[in-house]
C-alpha atoms as a PDB file:
ATOM      1  CA  MET A   1      19.972  18.724  11.676  1.00  0.00           C
ATOM      2  CA  LEU A   2      19.455  15.982   9.088  1.00  0.00           C
ATOM      3  CA  ARG A   3      20.677  13.323  11.497  1.00  0.00           C
ATOM      4  CA  ASN A   4      17.832  14.142  13.867  1.00  0.00           C
ATOM      5  CA  ARG A   5      15.190  13.258  11.309  1.00  0.00           C
ATOM      6  CA  SER A   6      13.696   9.768  11.812  1.00  0.00           C
ATOM      7  CA  HIS A   7      14.305   7.402   8.913  1.00  0.00           C
ATOM      8  CA  LYS A   8      14.177   3.802   7.762  1.00  0.00           C
ATOM      9  CA  ARG A   9      17.292   2.244   6.262  1.00  0.00           C
ATOM     10  CA  ILE A  10      16.953   0.217   3.086  1.00  0.00           C
ATOM     11  CA  GLN A  11      19.924  -1.324   1.299  1.00  0.00           C
ATOM     12  CA  ILE A  12      19.739  -1.766  -2.457  1.00  0.00           C
ATOM     13  CA  CYS A  13      22.165  -4.230  -4.012  1.00  0.00           C
ATOM     14  CA  PHE A  14      22.997  -4.424  -7.709  1.00  0.00           C
ATOM     15  CA  TYR A  15      22.721  -7.869  -9.288  1.00  0.00           C
ATOM     16  CA  GLY A  16      25.927  -7.589 -11.255  1.00  0.00           C
ATOM     17  CA  ASP A  17      27.618  -4.255 -11.953  1.00  0.00           C
ATOM     18  CA  ASN A  18      24.790  -2.490 -13.814  1.00  0.00           C
ATOM     19  CA  PRO A  19      22.955   0.133 -11.684  1.00  0.00           C
ATOM     20  CA  ASP A  20      20.180   0.216 -14.294  1.00  0.00           C
ATOM     21  CA  GLY A  21      19.749  -3.544 -14.215  1.00  0.00           C
ATOM     22  CA  ILE A  22      18.376  -5.995 -11.682  1.00  0.00           C
ATOM     23  CA  LYS A  23      18.330  -4.726  -8.087  1.00  0.00           C
ATOM     24  CA  ILE A  24      17.436  -6.258  -4.725  1.00  0.00           C
ATOM     25  CA  ALA A  25      16.101  -4.172  -1.820  1.00  0.00           C
ATOM     26  CA  GLU A  26      16.497  -5.408   1.723  1.00  0.00           C
ATOM     27  CA  SER A  27      16.386  -4.099   5.275  1.00  0.00           C
ATOM     28  CA  PRO A  28      17.122  -5.583   8.713  1.00  0.00           C
ATOM     29  CA  ASN A  29      14.755  -7.850  10.634  1.00  0.00           C
ATOM     30  CA  THR A  30      12.449  -8.904   7.813  1.00  0.00           C
ATOM     31  CA  ALA A  31      11.861 -12.178   5.995  1.00  0.00           C
ATOM     32  CA  ILE A  32      11.170 -10.791   2.516  1.00  0.00           C
ATOM     33  CA  GLN A  33      13.122  -9.119  -0.251  1.00  0.00           C
ATOM     34  CA  ALA A  34      12.063  -6.960  -3.206  1.00  0.00           C
ATOM     35  CA  VAL A  35      13.672  -7.872  -6.521  1.00  0.00           C
ATOM     36  CA  CYS A  36      13.352  -5.263  -9.282  1.00  0.00           C
ATOM     37  CA  ILE A  37      13.693  -6.788 -12.755  1.00  0.00           C
ATOM     38  CA  PRO A  38      13.694  -4.886 -16.067  1.00  0.00           C
ATOM     39  CA  ARG A  39      11.593  -6.867 -18.532  1.00  0.00           C
ATOM     40  CA  HIS A  40      14.434  -7.373 -21.002  1.00  0.00           C
ATOM     41  CA  MET A  41      16.563  -8.953 -18.246  1.00  0.00           C
ATOM     42  CA  LEU A  42      14.025 -11.537 -17.060  1.00  0.00           C
ATOM     43  CA  LYS A  43      16.050 -14.449 -18.424  1.00  0.00           C
ATOM     44  CA  ASP A  44      19.031 -13.397 -16.317  1.00  0.00           C
ATOM     45  CA  VAL A  45      17.310 -14.639 -13.146  1.00  0.00           C
ATOM     46  CA  LYS A  46      15.914 -17.907 -14.510  1.00  0.00           C
ATOM     47  CA  ASP A  47      18.163 -19.979 -12.221  1.00  0.00           C
ATOM     48  CA  GLU A  48      17.370 -18.124  -8.994  1.00  0.00           C
ATOM     49  CA  GLU A  49      15.429 -20.515  -6.749  1.00  0.00           C
ATOM     50  CA  GLU A  50      14.183 -17.697  -4.510  1.00  0.00           C
ATOM     51  CA  LEU A  51      12.193 -16.272  -7.422  1.00  0.00           C
ATOM     52  CA  LYS A  52      10.367 -19.573  -7.893  1.00  0.00           C
ATOM     53  CA  LYS A  53       8.676 -19.287  -4.483  1.00  0.00           C
ATOM     54  CA  PRO A  54       5.186 -17.887  -3.782  1.00  0.00           C
ATOM     55  CA  THR A  55       5.248 -14.182  -4.575  1.00  0.00           C
ATOM     56  CA  ILE A  56       3.213 -11.033  -4.756  1.00  0.00           C
ATOM     57  CA  TYR A  57       4.503  -9.107  -7.744  1.00  0.00           C
ATOM     58  CA  PHE A  58       3.987  -5.703  -9.360  1.00  0.00           C
ATOM     59  CA  LEU A  59       4.231  -4.834 -13.045  1.00  0.00           C
ATOM     60  CA  PHE A  60       4.857  -1.198 -13.991  1.00  0.00           C
ATOM     61  CA  GLY A  61       4.582   0.470 -17.380  1.00  0.00           C
ATOM     62  CA  GLY A  62       4.317   3.865 -19.041  1.00  0.00           C
ATOM     63  CA  ASP A  63       1.497   6.354 -18.344  1.00  0.00           C
ATOM     64  CA  LYS A  64       1.482   5.173 -14.725  1.00  0.00           C
ATOM     65  CA  GLN A  65      -0.011   1.774 -15.439  1.00  0.00           C
ATOM     66  CA  ALA A  66       0.383  -1.046 -12.917  1.00  0.00           C
ATOM     67  CA  TYR A  67      -0.701  -4.625 -12.325  1.00  0.00           C
ATOM     68  CA  ILE A  68      -0.671  -6.470  -8.985  1.00  0.00           C
ATOM     69  CA  GLY A  69      -0.595 -10.256  -9.002  1.00  0.00           C
ATOM     70  CA  GLU A  70       0.361 -13.350  -7.043  1.00  0.00           C
ATOM     71  CA  ALA A  71       1.708 -16.741  -7.973  1.00  0.00           C
ATOM     72  CA  ALA A  72       2.967 -19.971  -6.438  1.00  0.00           C
ATOM     73  CA  ASN A  73       6.008 -19.714  -8.732  1.00  0.00           C
ATOM     74  CA  GLY A  74       6.868 -16.087  -9.370  1.00  0.00           C
ATOM     75  CA  TYR A  75       9.368 -16.552 -12.178  1.00  0.00           C
ATOM     76  CA  GLU A  76       7.073 -18.829 -14.189  1.00  0.00           C
ATOM     77  CA  ARG A  77       4.223 -16.315 -13.875  1.00  0.00           C
ATOM     78  CA  LEU A  78       6.427 -13.465 -15.112  1.00  0.00           C
ATOM     79  CA  LYS A  79       7.398 -15.601 -18.111  1.00  0.00           C
ATOM     80  CA  GLN A  80       3.685 -15.882 -18.924  1.00  0.00           C
ATOM     81  CA  HIS A  81       3.217 -12.122 -18.587  1.00  0.00           C
ATOM     82  CA  ASN A  82       6.246 -11.549 -20.802  1.00  0.00           C
ATOM     83  CA  LYS A  83       4.232 -13.151 -23.608  1.00  0.00           C
ATOM     84  CA  GLY A  84       0.725 -12.078 -22.611  1.00  0.00           C
ATOM     85  CA  LYS A  85       0.955  -8.466 -21.362  1.00  0.00           C
ATOM     86  CA  ASP A  86       2.413  -5.642 -23.428  1.00  0.00           C
ATOM     87  CA  PHE A  87       2.190  -2.556 -21.186  1.00  0.00           C
ATOM     88  CA  TRP A  88       4.885  -3.307 -18.593  1.00  0.00           C
ATOM     89  CA  ASP A  89       8.624  -2.770 -18.683  1.00  0.00           C
ATOM     90  CA  THR A  90       9.598  -3.427 -15.030  1.00  0.00           C
ATOM     91  CA  ALA A  91       8.567  -6.062 -12.496  1.00  0.00           C
ATOM     92  CA  VAL A  92       9.077  -6.026  -8.737  1.00  0.00           C
ATOM     93  CA  MET A  93       8.797  -9.416  -7.039  1.00  0.00           C
ATOM     94  CA  ILE A  94       8.322  -9.746  -3.284  1.00  0.00           C
ATOM     95  CA  VAL A  95       9.646 -13.119  -2.163  1.00  0.00           C
ATOM     96  CA  SER A  96      10.907 -14.803   0.998  1.00  0.00           C
ATOM     97  CA  ARG A  97      14.620 -14.926   1.437  1.00  0.00           C
ATOM     98  CA  ASN A  98      16.390 -18.302   1.604  1.00  0.00           C
ATOM     99  CA  SER A  99      15.789 -20.385   4.725  1.00  0.00           C
ATOM    100  CA  SER A 100      13.609 -17.706   6.308  1.00  0.00           C
ATOM    101  CA  ILE A 101      11.258 -18.562   9.153  1.00  0.00           C
ATOM    102  CA  GLY A 102       7.577 -18.036   8.424  1.00  0.00           C
ATOM    103  CA  GLU A 103       8.148 -17.541   4.700  1.00  0.00           C
ATOM    104  CA  LEU A 104       5.258 -16.568   2.431  1.00  0.00           C
ATOM    105  CA  ASN A 105       2.906 -19.282   1.205  1.00  0.00           C
ATOM    106  CA  LYS A 106       0.197 -19.271  -1.466  1.00  0.00           C
ATOM    107  CA  LEU A 107      -2.530 -18.047   0.913  1.00  0.00           C
ATOM    108  CA  ASP A 108      -0.283 -15.255   2.210  1.00  0.00           C
ATOM    109  CA  VAL A 109       0.394 -13.826  -1.239  1.00  0.00           C
ATOM    110  CA  GLN A 110      -3.306 -14.003  -2.147  1.00  0.00           C
ATOM    111  CA  TYR A 111      -4.133 -11.940   0.947  1.00  0.00           C
ATOM    112  CA  LEU A 112      -1.331  -9.464   0.205  1.00  0.00           C
ATOM    113  CA  GLU A 113      -2.501  -9.142  -3.397  1.00  0.00           C
ATOM    114  CA  ASN A 114      -6.008  -8.174  -2.248  1.00  0.00           C
ATOM    115  CA  LYS A 115      -4.807  -5.659   0.352  1.00  0.00           C
ATOM    116  CA  ALA A 116      -2.197  -4.150  -1.960  1.00  0.00           C
ATOM    117  CA  TYR A 117      -4.864  -3.690  -4.628  1.00  0.00           C
ATOM    118  CA  GLU A 118      -7.206  -1.959  -2.157  1.00  0.00           C
ATOM    119  CA  ALA A 119      -4.448   0.387  -0.953  1.00  0.00           C
ATOM    120  CA  ALA A 120      -3.269   1.195  -4.492  1.00  0.00           C
ATOM    121  CA  ASP A 121      -6.820   1.770  -5.707  1.00  0.00           C
ATOM    122  CA  ASN A 122      -7.549   4.095  -2.787  1.00  0.00           C
ATOM    123  CA  ALA A 123      -4.371   6.071  -3.485  1.00  0.00           C
ATOM    124  CA  GLY A 124      -5.253   6.465  -7.164  1.00  0.00           C
ATOM    125  CA  ALA A 125      -1.618   7.049  -8.142  1.00  0.00           C
ATOM    126  CA  TYR A 126      -1.601   4.446 -10.947  1.00  0.00           C
ATOM    127  CA  LYS A 127      -4.097   3.012 -13.421  1.00  0.00           C
ATOM    128  CA  LEU A 128      -4.634  -0.568 -12.243  1.00  0.00           C
ATOM    129  CA  ASN A 129      -4.762  -2.828 -15.262  1.00  0.00           C
ATOM    130  CA  GLN A 130      -6.774  -5.733 -13.763  1.00  0.00           C
ATOM    131  CA  THR A 131      -9.865  -7.084 -12.019  1.00  0.00           C
ATOM    132  CA  ILE A 132     -10.299  -6.929  -8.221  1.00  0.00           C
ATOM    133  CA  PRO A 133      -8.461  -9.784  -6.418  1.00  0.00           C
ATOM    134  CA  THR A 134     -10.460 -11.860  -3.945  1.00  0.00           C
ATOM    135  CA  GLU A 135      -9.557 -11.753  -0.248  1.00  0.00           C
ATOM    136  CA  PRO A 136      -9.053 -15.292   1.122  1.00  0.00           C
ATOM    137  CA  ALA A 137     -10.243 -16.409   4.560  1.00  0.00           C
ATOM    138  CA  MET A 138      -7.334 -16.261   6.995  1.00  0.00           C
ATOM    139  CA  ASP A 139      -6.427 -16.432  10.667  1.00  0.00           C
ATOM    140  CA  GLN A 140      -6.586 -12.988  12.333  1.00  0.00           C
ATOM    141  CA  PHE A 141      -3.096 -13.299  13.820  1.00  0.00           C
ATOM    142  CA  ARG A 142      -1.548 -14.048  10.424  1.00  0.00           C
ATOM    143  CA  LYS A 143      -3.470 -11.105   8.946  1.00  0.00           C
ATOM    144  CA  ARG A 144      -1.733  -8.771  11.393  1.00  0.00           C
ATOM    145  CA  GLU A 145       1.665 -10.172  10.420  1.00  0.00           C
ATOM    146  CA  LEU A 146       0.889  -9.746   6.730  1.00  0.00           C
ATOM    147  CA  GLU A 147      -0.273  -6.176   7.254  1.00  0.00           C
ATOM    148  CA  GLY A 148       3.187  -5.452   8.636  1.00  0.00           C
ATOM    149  CA  ILE A 149       4.725  -7.082   5.564  1.00  0.00           C
ATOM    150  CA  LEU A 150       2.537  -4.890   3.331  1.00  0.00           C
ATOM    151  CA  GLU A 151       3.961  -1.809   5.017  1.00  0.00           C
ATOM    152  CA  ASN A 152       7.449  -3.128   4.252  1.00  0.00           C
ATOM    153  CA  ILE A 153       6.431  -3.617   0.614  1.00  0.00           C
ATOM    154  CA  LYS A 154       5.345   0.025   0.442  1.00  0.00           C
ATOM    155  CA  TYR A 155       8.811   1.075   1.563  1.00  0.00           C
ATOM    156  CA  PHE A 156      10.540  -1.127  -0.983  1.00  0.00           C
ATOM    157  CA  LEU A 157       8.440   0.118  -3.895  1.00  0.00           C
ATOM    158  CA  SER A 158       9.137   3.702  -2.798  1.00  0.00           C
ATOM    159  CA  SER A 159      12.869   2.965  -2.768  1.00  0.00           C
ATOM    160  CA  TYR A 160      12.523   2.033  -6.465  1.00  0.00           C
ATOM    161  CA  ASN A 161      10.492   5.230  -7.035  1.00  0.00           C
ATOM    162  CA  PHE A 162       7.243   3.361  -7.698  1.00  0.00           C
ATOM    163  CA  LEU A 163       4.854   5.446  -5.568  1.00  0.00           C
ATOM    164  CA  LEU A 164       1.943   3.069  -6.042  1.00  0.00           C
ATOM    165  CA  PHE A 165       0.426   3.761  -2.622  1.00  0.00           C
ATOM    166  CA  ASP A 166       1.144   7.491  -2.490  1.00  0.00           C
ATOM    167  CA  GLU A 167      -2.014   9.611  -2.637  1.00  0.00           C
ATOM    168  CA  SER A 168       0.056  12.697  -3.479  1.00  0.00           C
ATOM    169  CA  SER A 169       1.054  11.010  -6.768  1.00  0.00           C
ATOM    170  CA  SER A 170      -2.578  10.470  -7.790  1.00  0.00           C
ATOM    171  CA  ILE A 171      -3.195  10.482 -11.523  1.00  0.00           C
ATOM    172  CA  GLN A 172      -6.224  12.644 -10.703  1.00  0.00           C
ATOM    173  CA  ASN A 173      -4.319  15.135  -8.498  1.00  0.00           C
ATOM    174  CA  SER A 174      -0.988  16.663  -9.460  1.00  0.00           C
ATOM    175  CA  SER A 175      -0.426  18.556  -6.173  1.00  0.00           C
ATOM    176  CA  LEU A 176       2.624  17.512  -4.149  1.00  0.00           C
ATOM    177  CA  GLU A 177       2.110  16.219  -0.610  1.00  0.00           C
ATOM    178  CA  GLU A 178       3.749  13.543   1.497  1.00  0.00           C
ATOM    179  CA  LYS A 179       2.155  10.157   2.138  1.00  0.00           C
ATOM    180  CA  ASN A 180       2.712   8.627   5.580  1.00  0.00           C
ATOM    181  CA  VAL A 181       4.006   5.061   5.520  1.00  0.00           C
ATOM    182  CA  GLY A 182       5.553   3.052   8.298  1.00  0.00           C
ATOM    183  CA  ALA A 183       7.215  -0.310   8.646  1.00  0.00           C
ATOM    184  CA  GLU A 184      10.222  -2.398   9.319  1.00  0.00           C
ATOM    185  CA  PRO A 185      11.640  -3.927   6.132  1.00  0.00           C
ATOM    186  CA  VAL A 186      13.749  -7.178   4.602  1.00  0.00           C
ATOM    187  CA  VAL A 187      17.042  -9.102   4.053  1.00  0.00           C
ATOM    188  CA  GLN A 188      19.355 -11.360   1.988  1.00  0.00           C
ATOM    189  CA  THR A 189      19.337 -11.637  -1.779  1.00  0.00           C
ATOM    190  CA  PRO A 190      20.037 -13.924  -4.698  1.00  0.00           C
ATOM    191  CA  LYS A 191      23.629 -13.895  -6.081  1.00  0.00           C
ATOM    192  CA  VAL A 192      24.543 -10.260  -5.361  1.00  0.00           C
ATOM    193  CA  LYS A 193      27.716  -9.102  -7.067  1.00  0.00           C
ATOM    194  CA  GLN A 194      29.943  -6.077  -6.604  1.00  0.00           C
ATOM    195  CA  ALA A 195      28.312  -2.674  -6.089  1.00  0.00           C
ATOM    196  CA  GLU A 196      25.977  -1.780  -3.233  1.00  0.00           C
ATOM    197  CA  VAL A 197      24.134   1.422  -2.423  1.00  0.00           C
ATOM    198  CA  THR A 198      22.250   2.408   0.720  1.00  0.00           C
ATOM    199  CA  VAL A 199      19.077   4.501   0.573  1.00  0.00           C
ATOM    200  CA  GLU A 200      17.657   6.214   3.633  1.00  0.00           C
ATOM    201  CA  LEU A 201      13.913   6.911   3.494  1.00  0.00           C
ATOM    202  CA  GLU A 202      12.670   9.553   5.875  1.00  0.00           C
ATOM    203  CA  ASP A 203       9.466   8.845   7.777  1.00  0.00           C
ATOM    204  CA  ALA A 204       6.718  11.318   6.913  1.00  0.00           C
ATOM    205  CA  ASP A 205       6.604  12.918  10.328  1.00  0.00           C
ATOM    206  CA  ASP A 206       4.224  15.765   9.423  1.00  0.00           C
ATOM    207  CA  THR A 207       1.197  13.627  10.261  1.00  0.00           C
ATOM    208  CA  VAL A 208       2.452  13.146  13.827  1.00  0.00           C
ATOM    209  CA  SER A 209       1.649  16.805  14.475  1.00  0.00           C
ATOM    210  CA  LEU A 210      -1.863  16.271  13.120  1.00  0.00           C
ATOM    211  CA  GLU A 211      -2.813  13.558  15.601  1.00  0.00           C
ATOM    212  CA  ASP A 212      -4.533  16.063  17.891  1.00  0.00           C
ATOM    213  CA  VAL A 213      -6.557  17.634  15.062  1.00  0.00           C
ATOM    214  CA  THR A 214     -10.098  16.290  14.653  1.00  0.00           C
ATOM    215  CA  LEU A 215     -11.079  16.041  10.994  1.00  0.00           C
ATOM    216  CA  TYR A 216     -14.580  15.893   9.549  1.00  0.00           C
ATOM    217  CA  LEU A 217     -16.179  14.341   6.475  1.00  0.00           C
ATOM    218  CA  ASP A 218     -19.563  15.215   4.958  1.00  0.00           C
ATOM    219  CA  ARG A 219     -20.077  13.428   1.655  1.00  0.00           C
ATOM    220  CA  ASN A 220     -23.065  11.413   0.402  1.00  0.00           C
ATOM    221  CA  ALA A 221     -24.934  12.309   3.642  1.00  0.00           C
ATOM    222  CA  SER A 222     -22.170  10.804   5.788  1.00  0.00           C
ATOM    223  CA  LYS A 223     -21.066  12.297   9.105  1.00  0.00           C
ATOM    224  CA  GLY A 224     -17.519  11.152   9.714  1.00  0.00           C
ATOM    225  CA  THR A 225     -14.948  12.227  12.273  1.00  0.00           C
ATOM    226  CA  GLY A 226     -11.377  11.029  12.346  1.00  0.00           C
ATOM    227  CA  LYS A 227      -7.714  11.736  12.978  1.00  0.00           C
ATOM    228  CA  GLN A 228      -4.586  11.333  10.871  1.00  0.00           C
ATOM    229  CA  MET A 229      -2.333   9.041  12.882  1.00  0.00           C
ATOM    230  CA  LYS A 230       1.193   7.868  12.161  1.00  0.00           C
ATOM    231  CA  GLU A 231      -0.076   4.276  11.721  1.00  0.00           C
ATOM    232  CA  GLY A 232      -2.983   5.207   9.427  1.00  0.00           C
ATOM    233  CA  PHE A 233      -6.279   7.079   9.611  1.00  0.00           C
ATOM    234  CA  LEU A 234      -8.495   6.621  12.685  1.00  0.00           C
ATOM    235  CA  ILE A 235     -12.282   6.748  12.247  1.00  0.00           C
ATOM    236  CA  CYS A 236     -13.875   7.818  15.529  1.00  0.00           C
ATOM    237  CA  LYS A 237     -16.769   6.158  17.314  1.00  0.00           C
ATOM    238  CA  GLY A 238     -20.133   7.613  16.283  1.00  0.00           C
ATOM    239  CA  SER A 239     -19.228   8.258  12.644  1.00  0.00           C
ATOM    240  CA  MET A 240     -22.170   7.615  10.321  1.00  0.00           C
ATOM    241  CA  LEU A 241     -21.768   6.097   6.866  1.00  0.00           C
ATOM    242  CA  GLY A 242     -23.201   7.705   3.763  1.00  0.00           C
ATOM    243  CA  LYS A 243     -26.540   6.584   2.413  1.00  0.00           C
ATOM    244  CA  GLU A 244     -26.545   4.118  -0.482  1.00  0.00           C
ATOM    245  CA  PRO A 245     -23.140   2.818  -1.688  1.00  0.00           C
ATOM    246  CA  ASN A 246     -22.160   4.576  -4.891  1.00  0.00           C
ATOM    247  CA  PHE A 247     -19.152   2.762  -6.327  1.00  0.00           C
ATOM    248  CA  PRO A 248     -18.195   1.469  -9.775  1.00  0.00           C
ATOM    249  CA  LYS A 249     -19.171  -2.167 -10.146  1.00  0.00           C
ATOM    250  CA  GLU A 250     -15.581  -3.360  -9.796  1.00  0.00           C
ATOM    251  CA  LEU A 251     -15.196  -1.677  -6.384  1.00  0.00           C
ATOM    252  CA  LEU A 252     -18.615  -2.357  -4.890  1.00  0.00           C
ATOM    253  CA  ALA A 253     -17.906  -6.005  -4.012  1.00  0.00           C
ATOM    254  CA  SER A 254     -14.788  -5.234  -1.945  1.00  0.00           C
ATOM    255  CA  HIS A 255     -16.596  -2.388  -0.143  1.00  0.00           C
ATOM    256  CA  MET A 256     -19.521  -4.612   0.790  1.00  0.00           C
ATOM    257  CA  GLN A 257     -17.137  -7.327   1.930  1.00  0.00           C
ATOM    258  CA  LYS A 258     -15.381  -4.868   4.240  1.00  0.00           C
ATOM    259  CA  LEU A 259     -18.728  -3.616   5.569  1.00  0.00           C
ATOM    260  CA  THR A 260     -19.862  -7.180   6.259  1.00  0.00           C
ATOM    261  CA  VAL A 261     -16.673  -7.938   8.209  1.00  0.00           C
ATOM    262  CA  LEU A 262     -17.000  -4.810  10.371  1.00  0.00           C
ATOM    263  CA  LEU A 263     -20.666  -5.585  11.036  1.00  0.00           C
ATOM    264  CA  GLU A 264     -19.777  -9.124  12.125  1.00  0.00           C
ATOM    265  CA  GLU A 265     -16.996  -7.817  14.377  1.00  0.00           C
ATOM    266  CA  GLY A 266     -19.333  -5.270  15.951  1.00  0.00           C
ATOM    267  CA  VAL A 267     -17.223  -2.315  14.827  1.00  0.00           C
ATOM    268  CA  VAL A 268     -20.164  -1.038  12.761  1.00  0.00           C
ATOM    269  CA  LYS A 269     -23.834  -1.358  13.702  1.00  0.00           C
ATOM    270  CA  GLU A 270     -27.034  -0.733  11.753  1.00  0.00           C
ATOM    271  CA  ILE A 271     -29.422   1.669  13.514  1.00  0.00           C
ATOM    272  CA  GLU A 272     -32.641   2.799  11.816  1.00  0.00           C
ATOM    273  CA  GLU A 273     -31.360   1.827   8.373  1.00  0.00           C
ATOM    274  CA  ARG A 274     -28.067   3.732   8.779  1.00  0.00           C
ATOM    275  CA  TYR A 275     -24.639   2.387   9.710  1.00  0.00           C
ATOM    276  CA  PHE A 276     -22.668   3.779  12.657  1.00  0.00           C
ATOM    277  CA  PHE A 277     -19.209   3.045  14.089  1.00  0.00           C
ATOM    278  CA  THR A 278     -19.584   1.704  17.636  1.00  0.00           C
ATOM    279  CA  GLN A 279     -15.852   2.062  18.333  1.00  0.00           C
ATOM    280  CA  ASP A 280     -12.763   3.719  16.903  1.00  0.00           C
ATOM    281  CA  HIS A 281     -11.295   1.890  13.913  1.00  0.00           C
ATOM    282  CA  LEU A 282      -7.954   2.327  12.119  1.00  0.00           C
ATOM    283  CA  PHE A 283      -7.744   2.313   8.308  1.00  0.00           C
ATOM    284  CA  ASN A 284      -4.538   2.081   6.280  1.00  0.00           C
ATOM    285  CA  SER A 285      -5.040   5.468   4.597  1.00  0.00           C
ATOM    286  CA  ASN A 286      -7.169   8.594   4.806  1.00  0.00           C
ATOM    287  CA  SER A 287      -8.596   7.939   1.333  1.00  0.00           C
ATOM    288  CA  GLY A 288      -9.509   4.378   2.256  1.00  0.00           C
ATOM    289  CA  ALA A 289     -11.273   5.685   5.362  1.00  0.00           C
ATOM    290  CA  ALA A 290     -13.044   8.415   3.376  1.00  0.00           C
ATOM    291  CA  ASN A 291     -14.245   5.976   0.721  1.00  0.00           C
ATOM    292  CA  PHE A 292     -15.616   3.593   3.317  1.00  0.00           C
ATOM    293  CA  VAL A 293     -17.405   6.200   5.453  1.00  0.00           C
ATOM    294  CA  ALA A 294     -18.844   8.158   2.508  1.00  0.00           C
ATOM    295  CA  GLN A 295     -19.669   4.927   0.637  1.00  0.00           C
ATOM    296  CA  THR A 296     -18.455   6.597  -2.545  1.00  0.00           C
ATOM    297  CA  ARG A 297     -15.119   7.366  -4.180  1.00  0.00           C
ATOM    298  CA  CYS A 298     -13.361  10.479  -2.906  1.00  0.00           C
ATOM    299  CA  SER A 299      -9.866  11.754  -2.187  1.00  0.00           C
ATOM    300  CA  GLY A 300      -9.033  11.733   1.521  1.00  0.00           C
ATOM    301  CA  PRO A 301      -6.606  14.697   1.503  1.00  0.00           C
ATOM    302  CA  SER A 302      -9.346  16.858  -0.035  1.00  0.00           C
ATOM    303  CA  VAL A 303     -12.510  15.725   1.764  1.00  0.00           C
ATOM    304  CA  TRP A 304     -11.166  15.444   5.321  1.00  0.00           C
ATOM    305  CA  ARG A 305     -11.275  18.963   6.835  1.00  0.00           C
ATOM    306  CA  ASP A 306     -10.751  20.549  10.222  1.00  0.00           C
ATOM    307  CA  LYS A 307     -13.383  22.539  12.136  1.00  0.00           C
ATOM    308  CA  ASP A 308     -12.562  25.633  10.048  1.00  0.00           C
ATOM    309  CA  GLY A 309     -12.987  23.791   6.762  1.00  0.00           C
ATOM    310  CA  VAL A 310      -9.265  23.576   5.982  1.00  0.00           C
ATOM    311  CA  MET A 311      -8.439  20.515   3.884  1.00  0.00           C
ATOM    312  CA  LEU A 312      -6.068  17.849   5.224  1.00  0.00           C
ATOM    313  CA  LYS A 313      -3.704  18.355   2.299  1.00  0.00           C
ATOM    314  CA  THR A 314      -3.518  22.087   3.113  1.00  0.00           C
ATOM    315  CA  LEU A 315      -2.783  21.332   6.769  1.00  0.00           C
ATOM    316  CA  ARG A 316       0.060  19.066   5.654  1.00  0.00           C
ATOM    317  CA  GLU A 317       1.466  21.731   3.338  1.00  0.00           C
ATOM    318  CA  GLN A 318       1.376  24.289   6.148  1.00  0.00           C
ATOM    319  CA  LEU A 319       3.236  21.917   8.463  1.00  0.00           C
ATOM    320  CA  ALA A 320       5.807  21.109   5.774  1.00  0.00           C
ATOM    321  CA  GLN A 321       6.572  24.810   5.343  1.00  0.00           C
ATOM    322  CA  ARG A 322       7.361  25.089   9.044  1.00  0.00           C
ATOM    323  CA  VAL A 323       9.823  22.177   9.031  1.00  0.00           C
END
């Protein structure tokens, strides 16, 4: 029965009476909202104070091009991009709702920009039209809160059909497979008028059945073991990283930064000139985990395999057929 399937509820409100115009996505128990703005309608929201707050924003254009940015004043930054960037036709701004507790500040959106870029780059679904954002230093407790907000952002972008973080939509891989995302989403909007529509997004529950399956990675002399969990991809203790990092210049810095953090936290240890995981560690995605362990670019659904050599994406397809 459809009602027995788990789902997240997102409400999309029209700004005015045009379903193809400006829209606002919201969901209960969150302090952010996602405002989708067609480029030609940017001036229509010039008086909305909520859009002049710190924001992480996404620009989308043809041929699956995207840009991820942040700004202290979101509307003013989009005005600059309206003159300076040609490729985009739609913007999605993530901003705090009015009078919300713990609303986003400049440091928050810088951190979200960095993590959103990493997740989108790992997914490979869009061509990212930018340089790599820098990750700011931040309190660990706030990081955890922002990681939850990032999961909400993934839901909102999906509700607008921008599958930026979906590995199955990779520009390098046309096969169809579900991407597991989780979260609890946002609320309240600027000046919403008339029509409303509710969208229910089903949780990708196929990965739940894979939690007991141990997966293996052997790329660039790495020896990785892991499991696809509902919350992300778990790298198991004892996994060995690949030999020398082999990334494009623009990705090498973020990889080395992540490696340095895990070394400092004791999650990874150097033994006889090789790096090993000393404890289990959860990554946001299977591709992100695969890239880190192999120390080279690779597609998680293809390189993670079970003991019989069956690819993760094939295991997912088999499970989907049984649903």
